[in-house]
Every structure is written in structure tokens, then in C-alpha cells.
Protein backbone atom coordinates (compact mmCIF):
# COMPACT_ATOMS: atom_id res chain seq x y z
CA MET A 1 -25.09 -23.85 28.29
CA LYS A 2 -23.22 -24.01 25.00
CA ASN A 3 -20.11 -22.80 26.73
CA VAL A 4 -20.50 -25.47 29.30
CA ILE A 5 -20.55 -28.13 26.62
CA ALA A 6 -17.18 -26.87 25.37
CA ALA A 7 -15.78 -27.10 28.82
CA ILE A 8 -17.07 -30.60 29.16
CA ALA A 9 -15.22 -31.55 26.06
CA LEU A 10 -12.08 -30.37 27.84
CA ILE A 11 -12.98 -32.61 30.80
CA ILE A 12 -13.12 -35.54 28.52
CA ALA A 13 -9.54 -34.81 27.67
CA SER A 14 -8.57 -34.81 31.30
CA THR A 15 -9.49 -38.44 31.64
CA GLY A 16 -6.94 -39.19 29.06
CA ALA A 17 -5.12 -37.52 26.22
CA PHE A 18 -6.65 -37.98 22.85
CA ALA A 19 -5.56 -38.90 19.33
CA GLN A 20 -4.51 -42.44 20.09
CA THR A 21 -4.95 -45.38 17.79
CA ARG A 22 -5.52 -47.72 20.75
CA SER A 23 -7.52 -47.16 23.84
CA ASN A 24 -7.23 -48.76 27.28
CA ILE A 25 -10.20 -46.71 28.63
CA THR A 26 -12.91 -49.25 29.28
CA LYS A 27 -15.56 -46.90 30.83
CA SER A 28 -15.90 -43.15 30.95
CA LYS A 29 -18.32 -40.45 31.93
CA ILE A 30 -17.82 -36.76 31.18
CA SER A 31 -20.34 -34.15 32.26
CA PHE A 32 -20.20 -30.37 32.25
CA GLU A 33 -22.12 -27.63 33.97
CA LEU A 34 -22.41 -23.83 33.75
CA LYS A 35 -24.92 -21.17 34.56
CA ASN A 36 -27.11 -19.62 31.91
CA LEU A 37 -29.55 -16.91 33.01
CA GLY A 38 -28.48 -17.82 36.60
CA ILE A 39 -29.61 -21.46 36.26
CA LYS A 40 -27.22 -24.34 36.29
CA THR A 41 -27.36 -26.27 33.00
CA GLY A 42 -25.17 -28.83 31.46
CA GLY A 43 -24.80 -32.11 29.57
CA THR A 44 -22.49 -34.91 28.67
CA ILE A 45 -19.98 -35.78 25.94
CA GLY A 46 -18.86 -39.21 24.81
CA GLY A 47 -16.79 -41.02 22.24
CA ILE A 48 -13.80 -40.97 24.57
CA GLN A 49 -10.74 -42.91 23.51
CA GLY A 50 -7.27 -42.74 24.89
CA ASP A 51 -4.38 -44.32 26.68
CA ILE A 52 -3.81 -44.03 30.35
CA ASN A 53 -0.42 -45.09 31.66
CA PHE A 54 -0.34 -44.02 35.29
CA ASP A 55 1.75 -45.42 38.12
CA PRO A 56 1.46 -43.66 41.47
CA THR A 57 4.93 -44.94 42.47
CA ASN A 58 6.56 -43.45 39.35
CA LEU A 59 4.72 -40.16 38.49
CA ALA A 60 7.45 -38.96 36.09
CA ALA A 61 6.85 -41.97 33.81
CA GLY A 62 3.09 -41.46 33.64
CA LYS A 63 1.23 -40.35 30.52
CA ILE A 64 -2.46 -39.73 29.91
CA GLU A 65 -3.74 -39.02 26.42
CA ALA A 66 -7.35 -38.88 25.29
CA THR A 67 -9.78 -37.60 22.73
CA ALA A 68 -13.51 -36.97 22.81
CA ASP A 69 -16.01 -36.87 19.92
CA VAL A 70 -17.59 -33.40 19.99
CA ASN A 71 -20.45 -34.70 17.82
CA THR A 72 -21.66 -36.66 20.90
CA ILE A 73 -22.64 -33.55 22.87
CA ASN A 74 -25.93 -34.20 24.66
CA THR A 75 -27.85 -31.61 26.67
CA ASP A 76 -31.23 -33.38 26.39
CA ASN A 77 -32.30 -30.74 23.86
CA ASP A 78 -31.83 -31.60 20.16
CA MET A 79 -32.09 -27.98 19.01
CA ARG A 80 -29.47 -26.83 21.48
CA ASP A 81 -27.16 -29.70 20.67
CA ALA A 82 -27.39 -28.83 16.95
CA HIS A 83 -26.60 -25.16 17.71
CA LEU A 84 -23.60 -26.17 19.87
CA LYS A 85 -22.15 -28.01 16.94
CA LYS A 86 -22.09 -24.92 14.72
CA ASP A 87 -19.06 -22.66 14.20
CA ASP A 88 -19.82 -20.17 16.95
CA TYR A 89 -19.56 -22.89 19.52
CA PHE A 90 -17.68 -26.13 18.77
CA ASP A 91 -17.58 -26.02 14.96
CA VAL A 92 -17.66 -29.83 14.74
CA GLU A 93 -17.21 -29.90 10.94
CA LYS A 94 -13.74 -28.38 11.31
CA TYR A 95 -12.91 -29.62 14.83
CA PRO A 96 -14.69 -33.01 15.43
CA LYS A 97 -12.38 -33.94 18.38
CA MET A 98 -11.12 -32.47 21.59
CA SER A 99 -7.92 -33.70 23.07
CA LEU A 100 -6.05 -33.81 26.32
CA SER A 101 -2.42 -34.74 26.93
CA SER A 102 -0.60 -34.84 30.24
CA VAL A 103 2.58 -32.88 30.89
CA SER A 104 3.29 -33.87 34.50
CA PHE A 105 1.79 -35.23 37.75
CA LYS A 106 2.27 -34.58 41.42
CA LYS A 107 0.83 -36.03 44.55
CA SER A 108 -1.37 -33.77 46.69
CA GLY A 109 -2.46 -35.49 49.95
CA LYS A 110 -4.39 -38.61 49.02
CA SER A 111 -5.05 -37.43 45.49
CA TYR A 112 -3.06 -36.15 42.48
CA ILE A 113 -2.77 -33.01 40.30
CA GLY A 114 -2.05 -33.26 36.64
CA GLN A 115 -0.81 -30.58 34.32
CA PHE A 116 -2.46 -31.10 30.92
CA ASN A 117 -2.63 -29.52 27.54
CA LEU A 118 -6.27 -29.22 26.53
CA SER A 119 -7.08 -28.65 22.87
CA ILE A 120 -10.54 -27.55 21.83
CA LYS A 121 -11.51 -25.93 18.57
CA GLY A 122 -7.91 -25.60 17.43
CA ARG A 123 -6.76 -23.83 20.66
CA THR A 124 -4.52 -25.43 23.22
CA LYS A 125 -4.35 -24.23 26.80
CA ALA A 126 -2.56 -25.60 29.86
CA VAL A 127 -4.97 -26.74 32.60
CA GLU A 128 -4.44 -28.10 36.05
CA ILE A 129 -6.64 -31.09 36.89
CA PRO A 130 -6.97 -32.60 40.40
CA PHE A 131 -8.03 -36.20 40.42
CA SER A 132 -8.31 -39.33 42.57
CA TYR A 133 -6.84 -42.68 41.59
CA VAL A 134 -8.10 -46.06 42.83
CA GLU A 135 -6.96 -49.52 41.82
CA THR A 136 -9.95 -51.74 41.10
CA THR A 137 -10.26 -55.42 40.16
CA ALA A 138 -10.92 -54.36 36.55
CA GLY A 139 -8.12 -51.82 36.36
CA ASN A 140 -7.70 -48.21 37.57
CA LEU A 141 -10.40 -45.64 38.32
CA PHE A 142 -9.82 -41.90 37.86
CA LYS A 143 -12.23 -39.22 39.10
CA GLY A 144 -11.97 -35.47 39.11
CA SER A 145 -13.45 -32.09 38.47
CA PHE A 146 -12.01 -28.79 37.14
CA LYS A 147 -13.03 -25.48 35.62
CA ILE A 148 -12.19 -23.82 32.39
CA ASN A 149 -13.07 -20.52 30.77
CA ARG A 150 -15.03 -21.19 27.60
CA LYS A 151 -13.70 -17.97 26.01
CA ASP A 152 -10.14 -19.42 26.16
CA PHE A 153 -11.34 -21.82 23.44
CA ALA A 154 -13.53 -19.37 21.45
CA ILE A 155 -16.72 -21.07 22.49
CA GLY A 156 -19.95 -19.16 22.53
CA GLY A 157 -18.61 -15.61 22.14
CA ASN A 158 -19.73 -12.80 24.52
CA SER A 159 -22.84 -13.34 26.55
CA MET A 160 -24.40 -11.38 29.40
CA THR A 161 -26.48 -14.36 30.41
CA MET A 162 -24.08 -17.26 30.10
CA SER A 163 -21.24 -17.81 32.56
CA ASP A 164 -17.69 -17.95 31.20
CA ASP A 165 -16.74 -20.64 33.74
CA VAL A 166 -17.58 -24.25 32.93
CA THR A 167 -17.15 -27.08 35.47
CA ILE A 168 -16.09 -30.38 33.95
CA ASN A 169 -16.55 -33.62 35.91
CA PHE A 170 -15.04 -36.89 34.72
CA GLU A 171 -14.69 -40.53 35.63
CA ALA A 172 -12.62 -43.01 33.69
CA GLU A 173 -11.71 -46.60 34.15
CA ALA A 174 -8.72 -48.03 32.36
CA THR A 175 -7.11 -51.45 32.15
CA LYS A 176 -3.71 -51.80 33.78
């Protein structure tokens, strides 16, 4: 479960790269899921800020950057949330933010695939994130799902009961 939370933080980055002083993200939802003792468990993460500059007619000019506040991890269990914030999981005192920054985009059927650099707990890994894009009256809506390995980011250590794979689901709306 704790590893799943780390993966979710990565998902947050996929909705936009982080470390921006301004944010055009108006709504966002990040959730994560993993198996612990064979049971699916998960939570959410918030505090998402970033800048999404995406034009489906000019993918080479697109850029998505976002950050998420790891202190907002919520698994509906206060004791678990407090444990996940400690150094063996997210180490929020040292690494309070996760970030995501796009490298490139390509079209894949009716959706898109982005190559991103995801940074969690001081480690950066390249991740491929498929997503949909829809223009709305309020802006642009992005939705997607991807998997990460929690061990790539030193989250949770070795566990015989907790899955290494974490599924991250995201939805973000940004102004044009």
C-alpha cells in the first residue's frame, strides 16, 4: 500500500511536470493502486500544480510539467499515511514534492503517449504515459493510467506481501 502511494505520486507528475511558479491546472485527481497481501489497496495524492502546454497539432512544441505535494497522501488510514511519510517510504521531510516533466509526445490511434521524467524521493526515471486529450468548454482534459515499480524510487524496501507494481490513474483539466 505504501509503495502504491509512491507510484501515485508519480502519476501526479504525469498530469503535468512540477516545480512551476504558475499553474494552469484547474482540476486534478490522482489515485494509485497496488496489491498488499493479495488485496488491492490505494489512495490519492493532491497539491498538484503545474503548467500544461499541449497542442495536438504541434506535438513537438508541447510541454507538461507538474509537481505534487507528497504530504497530501491519503489512504483513509491516518496511521498508514503517517508511516508512508517516513524515510523508508516517501521521506517527506527531505522530499516534500514529486515532479514530472515531459520529454516528447506521439499520437497513438485516438490517444497520445508521452515520454516523461518522473522524480520521486530524489530519483528520476523515464516513464511512458498513455493519455487521452479532449477539448472542453473550460479548457483541456487529460486522462490516463500507467504503472511504475516502487523499488525504482526506493519506496517501501523489500516486501513479500506488497506488490512492486503500482498503478497510477490521473485526470487533469487545464486552461488553454
